[in-house]
Amino acid sequence: MVKYRLVGGPRADEVVEELPDGYRSQGTGSGSGGDANFEILMTAKYVYEVTAKRDGQLWFIRIPQIDGATQARTREEIPAMARDYIAIALDVTTDSFDVAVTVFSD
């Protein structure tokens, strides 16, 4: 979700989720270049649903949203391994999204 603070005009300082008619999206979107008349306040990170199940001595990790899979040696490594896999597969930074892990017991 993106929220915008409107800059100038009759709705100045109003926070909205969609830009109303008449508000420009040219420029940087931050109002710094003089082209845009709104500021981006926040965006929510995309959450990848991850499942993990013990498979012998390793944990098998599935990331269905990107049709991916990886493994971890310990239960504690599951979020980091999933995050690293997603970042490499999508060529994004590891802090640009969140993971929600569901661990299935044997």
N, C-alpha and C. Protein backbone atom coordinates (compact mmCIF):
# COMPACT_ATOMS: atom_id res chain seq x y z
N MET A 1 0.84 -1.17 0.00
CA MET A 1 0.00 0.00 0.00
C MET A 1 0.89 1.24 0.00
N VAL A 2 0.53 2.20 -0.80
CA VAL A 2 1.25 3.46 -0.85
C VAL A 2 0.32 4.54 -0.32
N LYS A 3 0.87 5.43 0.50
CA LYS A 3 0.10 6.59 0.96
C LYS A 3 0.81 7.84 0.50
N TYR A 4 0.02 8.86 0.13
CA TYR A 4 0.55 10.10 -0.39
C TYR A 4 0.09 11.26 0.49
N ARG A 5 0.98 12.25 0.69
CA ARG A 5 0.58 13.51 1.32
C ARG A 5 0.48 14.52 0.19
N LEU A 6 -0.70 15.12 0.02
CA LEU A 6 -0.92 16.10 -1.04
C LEU A 6 -0.24 17.40 -0.65
N VAL A 7 0.39 18.04 -1.64
CA VAL A 7 1.14 19.27 -1.41
C VAL A 7 0.48 20.38 -2.22
N GLY A 8 0.09 21.46 -1.56
CA GLY A 8 -0.52 22.59 -2.24
C GLY A 8 -1.97 22.32 -2.59
N GLY A 9 -2.64 23.36 -3.04
CA GLY A 9 -4.03 23.23 -3.45
C GLY A 9 -4.97 23.15 -2.26
N PRO A 10 -6.26 22.98 -2.55
CA PRO A 10 -7.27 22.98 -1.49
C PRO A 10 -7.16 21.77 -0.55
N ARG A 11 -6.48 20.73 -0.97
CA ARG A 11 -6.39 19.53 -0.13
C ARG A 11 -4.98 19.37 0.45
N ALA A 12 -4.24 20.46 0.58
CA ALA A 12 -2.86 20.42 1.08
C ALA A 12 -2.78 19.70 2.42
N ASP A 13 -1.77 18.89 2.57
CA ASP A 13 -1.48 18.11 3.79
C ASP A 13 -2.44 16.95 4.03
N GLU A 14 -3.40 16.72 3.14
CA GLU A 14 -4.29 15.57 3.27
C GLU A 14 -3.52 14.31 2.88
N VAL A 15 -3.73 13.22 3.62
CA VAL A 15 -3.09 11.94 3.32
C VAL A 15 -4.12 11.04 2.65
N VAL A 16 -3.75 10.50 1.48
CA VAL A 16 -4.66 9.67 0.69
C VAL A 16 -3.94 8.42 0.20
N GLU A 17 -4.72 7.41 -0.19
CA GLU A 17 -4.15 6.18 -0.75
C GLU A 17 -4.11 6.20 -2.27
N GLU A 18 -4.90 7.06 -2.90
CA GLU A 18 -4.88 7.23 -4.35
C GLU A 18 -4.80 8.71 -4.66
N LEU A 19 -4.03 9.03 -5.70
CA LEU A 19 -3.93 10.43 -6.09
C LEU A 19 -5.21 10.87 -6.77
N PRO A 20 -5.81 11.98 -6.31
CA PRO A 20 -7.03 12.48 -6.96
C PRO A 20 -6.70 13.15 -8.28
N ASP A 21 -7.73 13.37 -9.11
CA ASP A 21 -7.55 14.07 -10.38
C ASP A 21 -6.87 15.41 -10.12
N GLY A 22 -5.99 15.76 -11.01
CA GLY A 22 -5.33 17.05 -10.90
C GLY A 22 -3.98 16.99 -10.21
N TYR A 23 -3.66 15.88 -9.59
CA TYR A 23 -2.35 15.75 -8.96
C TYR A 23 -1.44 15.01 -9.91
N ARG A 24 -0.30 15.60 -10.16
CA ARG A 24 0.62 15.08 -11.16
C ARG A 24 1.51 14.00 -10.58
N SER A 25 1.88 13.04 -11.42
CA SER A 25 2.82 12.01 -11.00
C SER A 25 4.13 12.13 -11.77
N GLN A 26 4.34 13.24 -12.48
CA GLN A 26 5.61 13.44 -13.16
C GLN A 26 6.69 13.74 -12.12
N GLY A 27 7.93 13.68 -12.56
CA GLY A 27 9.03 14.00 -11.67
C GLY A 27 9.32 12.87 -10.72
N THR A 28 9.87 13.21 -9.59
CA THR A 28 10.33 12.20 -8.64
C THR A 28 9.23 11.66 -7.76
N GLY A 29 8.12 12.38 -7.65
CA GLY A 29 7.07 11.96 -6.74
C GLY A 29 7.31 12.42 -5.33
N SER A 30 8.42 13.10 -5.11
CA SER A 30 8.72 13.56 -3.76
C SER A 30 8.52 15.04 -3.61
N GLY A 31 8.19 15.71 -4.68
CA GLY A 31 7.99 17.15 -4.63
C GLY A 31 9.29 17.92 -4.72
N SER A 32 10.42 17.24 -4.72
CA SER A 32 11.70 17.92 -4.67
C SER A 32 12.07 18.59 -5.99
N GLY A 33 11.57 18.08 -7.10
CA GLY A 33 11.93 18.64 -8.39
C GLY A 33 10.98 19.72 -8.85
N GLY A 34 9.95 20.04 -8.10
CA GLY A 34 8.98 21.03 -8.49
C GLY A 34 7.95 20.50 -9.47
N ASP A 35 8.13 19.30 -9.98
CA ASP A 35 7.18 18.74 -10.93
C ASP A 35 6.02 18.05 -10.24
N ALA A 36 6.26 17.43 -9.13
CA ALA A 36 5.23 16.64 -8.46
C ALA A 36 4.58 17.46 -7.37
N ASN A 37 3.31 17.21 -7.12
CA ASN A 37 2.64 17.92 -6.05
C ASN A 37 2.08 16.95 -5.01
N PHE A 38 2.90 15.95 -4.69
CA PHE A 38 2.58 15.02 -3.62
C PHE A 38 3.88 14.44 -3.09
N GLU A 39 3.82 13.86 -1.91
CA GLU A 39 4.96 13.16 -1.31
C GLU A 39 4.54 11.73 -1.04
N ILE A 40 5.43 10.79 -1.28
CA ILE A 40 5.16 9.40 -0.94
C ILE A 40 5.52 9.22 0.53
N LEU A 41 4.56 8.76 1.33
CA LEU A 41 4.78 8.61 2.75
C LEU A 41 5.26 7.23 3.14
N MET A 42 4.64 6.20 2.58
CA MET A 42 5.03 4.85 2.98
C MET A 42 4.55 3.84 1.96
N THR A 43 5.24 2.75 1.92
CA THR A 43 4.81 1.63 1.13
C THR A 43 4.94 0.38 1.98
N ALA A 44 4.03 -0.53 1.83
CA ALA A 44 4.11 -1.79 2.56
C ALA A 44 4.94 -2.77 1.75
N LYS A 45 5.72 -3.56 2.42
CA LYS A 45 6.55 -4.55 1.74
C LYS A 45 5.69 -5.75 1.34
N TYR A 46 6.06 -6.34 0.22
CA TYR A 46 5.39 -7.55 -0.23
C TYR A 46 5.81 -8.69 0.69
N VAL A 47 4.88 -9.54 1.04
CA VAL A 47 5.16 -10.66 1.93
C VAL A 47 5.12 -11.97 1.13
N TYR A 48 6.21 -12.71 1.17
CA TYR A 48 6.27 -14.02 0.53
C TYR A 48 5.94 -15.08 1.57
N GLU A 49 4.99 -15.95 1.24
CA GLU A 49 4.60 -17.06 2.10
C GLU A 49 5.58 -18.20 1.87
N VAL A 50 6.21 -18.65 2.93
CA VAL A 50 7.23 -19.68 2.86
C VAL A 50 6.80 -20.85 3.73
N THR A 51 6.97 -22.06 3.23
CA THR A 51 6.69 -23.24 4.05
C THR A 51 7.98 -24.05 4.20
N ALA A 52 8.11 -24.70 5.33
CA ALA A 52 9.29 -25.51 5.58
C ALA A 52 8.88 -26.81 6.26
N LYS A 53 9.56 -27.89 5.85
CA LYS A 53 9.30 -29.20 6.42
C LYS A 53 10.62 -29.94 6.54
N ARG A 54 10.77 -30.64 7.64
CA ARG A 54 11.98 -31.42 7.88
C ARG A 54 12.09 -32.52 6.84
N ASP A 55 13.29 -32.67 6.28
CA ASP A 55 13.55 -33.70 5.28
C ASP A 55 14.91 -34.32 5.62
N GLY A 56 14.88 -35.33 6.46
CA GLY A 56 16.14 -35.92 6.93
C GLY A 56 16.85 -34.96 7.87
N GLN A 57 18.09 -34.63 7.54
CA GLN A 57 18.85 -33.71 8.38
C GLN A 57 18.66 -32.25 7.98
N LEU A 58 17.94 -32.00 6.91
CA LEU A 58 17.75 -30.63 6.42
C LEU A 58 16.29 -30.22 6.48
N TRP A 59 16.05 -28.94 6.32
CA TRP A 59 14.71 -28.38 6.20
C TRP A 59 14.49 -28.03 4.73
N PHE A 60 13.43 -28.55 4.14
CA PHE A 60 13.07 -28.25 2.76
C PHE A 60 12.15 -27.04 2.77
N ILE A 61 12.53 -26.00 2.05
CA ILE A 61 11.81 -24.72 2.06
C ILE A 61 11.18 -24.49 0.69
N ARG A 62 9.87 -24.22 0.68
CA ARG A 62 9.16 -23.92 -0.57
C ARG A 62 8.70 -22.47 -0.54
N ILE A 63 8.82 -21.82 -1.70
CA ILE A 63 8.37 -20.44 -1.88
C ILE A 63 7.46 -20.44 -3.11
N PRO A 64 6.19 -20.80 -2.93
CA PRO A 64 5.30 -21.02 -4.07
C PRO A 64 5.06 -19.78 -4.94
N GLN A 65 5.10 -18.59 -4.37
CA GLN A 65 4.81 -17.39 -5.16
C GLN A 65 5.80 -17.17 -6.30
N ILE A 66 7.01 -17.73 -6.14
CA ILE A 66 7.99 -17.60 -7.22
C ILE A 66 8.43 -18.98 -7.72
N ASP A 67 7.67 -19.99 -7.35
CA ASP A 67 7.96 -21.37 -7.75
C ASP A 67 9.40 -21.74 -7.40
N GLY A 68 9.78 -21.42 -6.16
CA GLY A 68 11.16 -21.66 -5.74
C GLY A 68 11.25 -22.62 -4.57
N ALA A 69 12.45 -23.15 -4.39
CA ALA A 69 12.72 -24.04 -3.27
C ALA A 69 14.20 -23.94 -2.89
N THR A 70 14.46 -24.09 -1.62
CA THR A 70 15.83 -24.12 -1.12
C THR A 70 15.83 -24.97 0.13
N GLN A 71 16.94 -24.97 0.85
CA GLN A 71 17.02 -25.78 2.07
C GLN A 71 17.81 -25.04 3.14
N ALA A 72 17.63 -25.50 4.36
CA ALA A 72 18.36 -24.94 5.50
C ALA A 72 18.83 -26.09 6.38
N ARG A 73 19.93 -25.85 7.08
CA ARG A 73 20.44 -26.89 7.99
C ARG A 73 19.71 -26.90 9.32
N THR A 74 19.27 -25.72 9.77
CA THR A 74 18.58 -25.63 11.06
C THR A 74 17.27 -24.86 10.87
N ARG A 75 16.39 -25.03 11.83
CA ARG A 75 15.11 -24.30 11.80
C ARG A 75 15.35 -22.79 11.86
N GLU A 76 16.35 -22.38 12.60
CA GLU A 76 16.65 -20.95 12.75
C GLU A 76 17.11 -20.32 11.44
N GLU A 77 17.70 -21.10 10.54
CA GLU A 77 18.18 -20.59 9.26
C GLU A 77 17.08 -20.41 8.21
N ILE A 78 15.90 -20.95 8.45
CA ILE A 78 14.85 -20.95 7.43
C ILE A 78 14.54 -19.54 6.89
N PRO A 79 14.24 -18.56 7.75
CA PRO A 79 13.91 -17.23 7.19
C PRO A 79 15.04 -16.63 6.37
N ALA A 80 16.27 -16.74 6.84
CA ALA A 80 17.40 -16.16 6.12
C ALA A 80 17.64 -16.85 4.79
N MET A 81 17.53 -18.17 4.76
CA MET A 81 17.73 -18.91 3.51
C MET A 81 16.64 -18.57 2.50
N ALA A 82 15.40 -18.48 2.97
CA ALA A 82 14.29 -18.11 2.08
C ALA A 82 14.50 -16.70 1.55
N ARG A 83 14.86 -15.79 2.42
CA ARG A 83 15.09 -14.39 2.03
C ARG A 83 16.21 -14.30 0.99
N ASP A 84 17.31 -15.00 1.22
CA ASP A 84 18.43 -14.98 0.27
C ASP A 84 18.00 -15.54 -1.08
N TYR A 85 17.26 -16.64 -1.06
CA TYR A 85 16.81 -17.26 -2.32
C TYR A 85 15.93 -16.28 -3.11
N ILE A 86 14.96 -15.67 -2.43
CA ILE A 86 14.05 -14.73 -3.10
C ILE A 86 14.82 -13.56 -3.69
N ALA A 87 15.74 -12.99 -2.90
CA ALA A 87 16.51 -11.83 -3.36
C ALA A 87 17.33 -12.17 -4.60
N ILE A 88 17.96 -13.34 -4.60
CA ILE A 88 18.78 -13.74 -5.75
C ILE A 88 17.89 -14.03 -6.96
N ALA A 89 16.79 -14.74 -6.74
CA ALA A 89 15.91 -15.11 -7.85
C ALA A 89 15.27 -13.89 -8.52
N LEU A 90 14.96 -12.87 -7.72
CA LEU A 90 14.27 -11.70 -8.26
C LEU A 90 15.19 -10.51 -8.48
N ASP A 91 16.46 -10.67 -8.12
CA ASP A 91 17.44 -9.59 -8.25
C ASP A 91 16.99 -8.32 -7.51
N VAL A 92 16.64 -8.52 -6.23
CA VAL A 92 16.24 -7.42 -5.35
C VAL A 92 17.04 -7.52 -4.05
N THR A 93 16.97 -6.50 -3.23
CA THR A 93 17.67 -6.54 -1.95
C THR A 93 16.86 -7.35 -0.94
N THR A 94 17.54 -7.93 0.02
CA THR A 94 16.86 -8.77 1.02
C THR A 94 15.96 -7.98 1.95
N ASP A 95 16.11 -6.68 2.01
CA ASP A 95 15.25 -5.88 2.89
C ASP A 95 14.07 -5.24 2.15
N SER A 96 13.87 -5.61 0.88
CA SER A 96 12.79 -5.01 0.10
C SER A 96 11.47 -5.78 0.19
N PHE A 97 11.43 -6.85 0.99
CA PHE A 97 10.23 -7.67 1.13
C PHE A 97 10.28 -8.35 2.49
N ASP A 98 9.18 -8.96 2.87
CA ASP A 98 9.10 -9.72 4.11
C ASP A 98 8.79 -11.18 3.79
N VAL A 99 9.09 -12.06 4.73
CA VAL A 99 8.72 -13.47 4.59
C VAL A 99 7.88 -13.88 5.78
N ALA A 100 6.88 -14.71 5.50
CA ALA A 100 6.05 -15.31 6.55
C ALA A 100 6.27 -16.81 6.46
N VAL A 101 6.86 -17.39 7.50
CA VAL A 101 7.26 -18.78 7.47
C VAL A 101 6.25 -19.64 8.22
N THR A 102 5.82 -20.73 7.60
CA THR A 102 5.00 -21.75 8.25
C THR A 102 5.83 -23.02 8.28
N VAL A 103 6.07 -23.54 9.48
CA VAL A 103 6.88 -24.75 9.64
C VAL A 103 5.94 -25.91 9.93
N PHE A 104 6.05 -26.96 9.12
CA PHE A 104 5.25 -28.15 9.32
C PHE A 104 6.10 -29.18 10.06
N SER A 105 5.52 -29.76 11.09
CA SER A 105 6.24 -30.81 11.82
C SER A 105 6.02 -32.14 11.13
N ASP A 106 6.88 -33.09 11.44
CA ASP A 106 6.77 -34.42 10.83
C ASP A 106 5.49 -35.12 11.19
